[in-house]
Amino acid sequence: MSHKGHFEIKTDKAGEYRFNLVAGNGQVILSSEGYSRRESCLNGIESVRVNSQIDARYERTIAADERYHFNLKAANGEVIGTSQMYADLRGMENGMASVKAHAPNAGLLER
């Protein structure tokens, strides 16, 4: 992976702050829920940096349409990020490895 990933903060139509973790190739690999305050969104990013390194924090899920995705959870069990949908288990496992690789040192970009 030649390019470093980054966290991207955006404000949605409802005025809530959301972040995406974007891989070096530009693909979104993890997305947050909405936060009412920017500071809470930044805290969510820090939580991803820490929890992304702990295998037990990844919750693997199969959707009704048989596609795979995962949630990254904090120590208290709260979901702090959700992946895209993957066609197969291998894709999902690669997605988790990408989050683990990118999150700790990802820069911050605000739009």
Protein backbone atom coordinates (compact mmCIF):
# COMPACT_ATOMS: atom_id res chain seq x y z
CA MET A 1 0.00 0.00 0.00
CA SER A 2 1.84 3.02 -1.23
CA HIS A 3 -0.59 5.71 -0.10
CA LYS A 4 -1.66 6.36 3.43
CA GLY A 5 -5.31 6.28 4.35
CA HIS A 6 -7.19 9.11 6.00
CA PHE A 7 -10.26 9.87 8.03
CA GLU A 8 -12.67 12.19 6.27
CA ILE A 9 -15.20 14.21 8.29
CA LYS A 10 -18.32 15.51 6.58
CA THR A 11 -21.50 17.18 7.76
CA ASP A 12 -24.65 15.46 6.49
CA LYS A 13 -27.96 17.05 5.46
CA ALA A 14 -29.26 16.81 9.04
CA GLY A 15 -26.23 18.77 10.29
CA GLU A 16 -24.62 15.73 11.91
CA TYR A 17 -20.92 14.96 11.70
CA ARG A 18 -19.88 11.66 10.14
CA PHE A 19 -16.52 10.16 9.33
CA ASN A 20 -15.27 7.67 6.79
CA LEU A 21 -11.96 5.85 6.95
CA VAL A 22 -10.64 5.96 3.39
CA ALA A 23 -7.87 3.62 2.19
CA GLY A 24 -4.92 4.87 0.18
CA ASN A 25 -6.69 3.77 -3.03
CA GLY A 26 -9.68 6.03 -2.24
CA GLN A 27 -12.05 3.26 -1.16
CA VAL A 28 -14.19 3.88 1.94
CA ILE A 29 -13.43 1.00 4.32
CA LEU A 30 -15.34 2.12 7.45
CA SER A 31 -18.18 4.60 8.08
CA SER A 32 -19.55 6.09 11.28
CA GLU A 33 -23.03 6.93 12.40
CA GLY A 34 -23.98 10.59 12.86
CA TYR A 35 -22.66 12.69 15.75
CA SER A 36 -24.32 15.89 16.91
CA ARG A 37 -21.00 17.50 17.85
CA ARG A 38 -17.69 17.67 15.98
CA GLU A 39 -15.81 16.81 19.20
CA SER A 40 -17.83 13.59 19.53
CA CYS A 41 -16.97 12.70 15.94
CA LEU A 42 -13.26 13.26 16.68
CA ASN A 43 -13.60 11.04 19.76
CA GLY A 44 -15.14 8.37 17.50
CA ILE A 45 -12.12 8.56 15.21
CA GLU A 46 -9.76 8.13 18.17
CA SER A 47 -11.83 5.15 19.29
CA VAL A 48 -11.42 3.58 15.83
CA ARG A 49 -7.64 4.15 15.98
CA VAL A 50 -7.45 2.19 19.27
CA ASN A 51 -10.13 -0.47 18.80
CA SER A 52 -9.14 -1.31 15.21
CA GLN A 53 -6.08 -3.08 16.61
CA ILE A 54 -8.11 -5.49 18.78
CA ASP A 55 -9.43 -8.52 16.87
CA ALA A 56 -12.24 -9.13 19.36
CA ARG A 57 -13.74 -5.70 18.55
CA TYR A 58 -14.72 -6.80 15.02
CA GLU A 59 -18.24 -8.19 14.68
CA ARG A 60 -18.70 -10.21 11.48
CA THR A 61 -22.23 -10.24 10.04
CA ILE A 62 -24.04 -11.81 7.11
CA ALA A 63 -26.92 -9.74 5.74
CA ALA A 64 -30.26 -11.14 4.59
CA ASP A 65 -29.03 -11.04 0.98
CA GLU A 66 -26.04 -13.19 1.99
CA ARG A 67 -23.49 -10.40 1.63
CA TYR A 68 -20.90 -9.91 4.36
CA HIS A 69 -20.05 -6.84 6.43
CA PHE A 70 -18.52 -6.02 9.78
CA ASN A 71 -18.94 -3.60 12.64
CA LEU A 72 -16.10 -2.25 14.72
CA LYS A 73 -17.14 -1.92 18.35
CA ALA A 74 -15.77 0.00 21.31
CA ALA A 75 -14.96 -1.68 24.62
CA ASN A 76 -18.52 -0.90 25.82
CA GLY A 77 -20.00 -2.78 22.85
CA GLU A 78 -21.16 0.35 20.99
CA VAL A 79 -20.70 0.29 17.21
CA ILE A 80 -18.17 2.95 16.17
CA GLY A 81 -17.89 2.03 12.49
CA THR A 82 -19.53 -0.13 9.85
CA SER A 83 -18.03 -1.53 6.67
CA GLN A 84 -19.40 -1.66 3.17
CA MET A 85 -21.05 -4.89 1.96
CA TYR A 86 -18.80 -7.61 0.57
CA ALA A 87 -19.73 -10.43 -1.80
CA ASP A 88 -17.76 -13.01 0.15
CA LEU A 89 -16.01 -13.79 3.40
CA ARG A 90 -12.56 -13.19 1.96
CA GLY A 91 -13.46 -9.67 0.88
CA MET A 92 -14.75 -8.88 4.36
CA GLU A 93 -11.61 -10.27 6.00
CA ASN A 94 -9.49 -8.15 3.64
CA GLY A 95 -11.60 -5.12 4.62
CA MET A 96 -10.93 -5.72 8.30
CA ALA A 97 -7.20 -6.09 7.60
CA SER A 98 -7.31 -2.79 5.71
CA VAL A 99 -8.98 -0.99 8.64
CA LYS A 100 -6.39 -2.46 10.99
CA ALA A 101 -3.56 -1.31 8.71
CA HIS A 102 -4.84 2.20 7.95
CA ALA A 103 -6.61 3.44 11.10
CA PRO A 104 -3.73 3.99 13.55
CA ASN A 105 -1.80 6.50 11.44
CA ALA A 106 -4.50 7.83 9.12
CA GLY A 107 -4.53 11.58 8.63
CA LEU A 108 -7.60 13.79 8.99
CA LEU A 109 -9.42 15.58 6.17
CA GLU A 110 -12.47 17.78 6.75
CA ARG A 111 -14.90 18.65 3.96
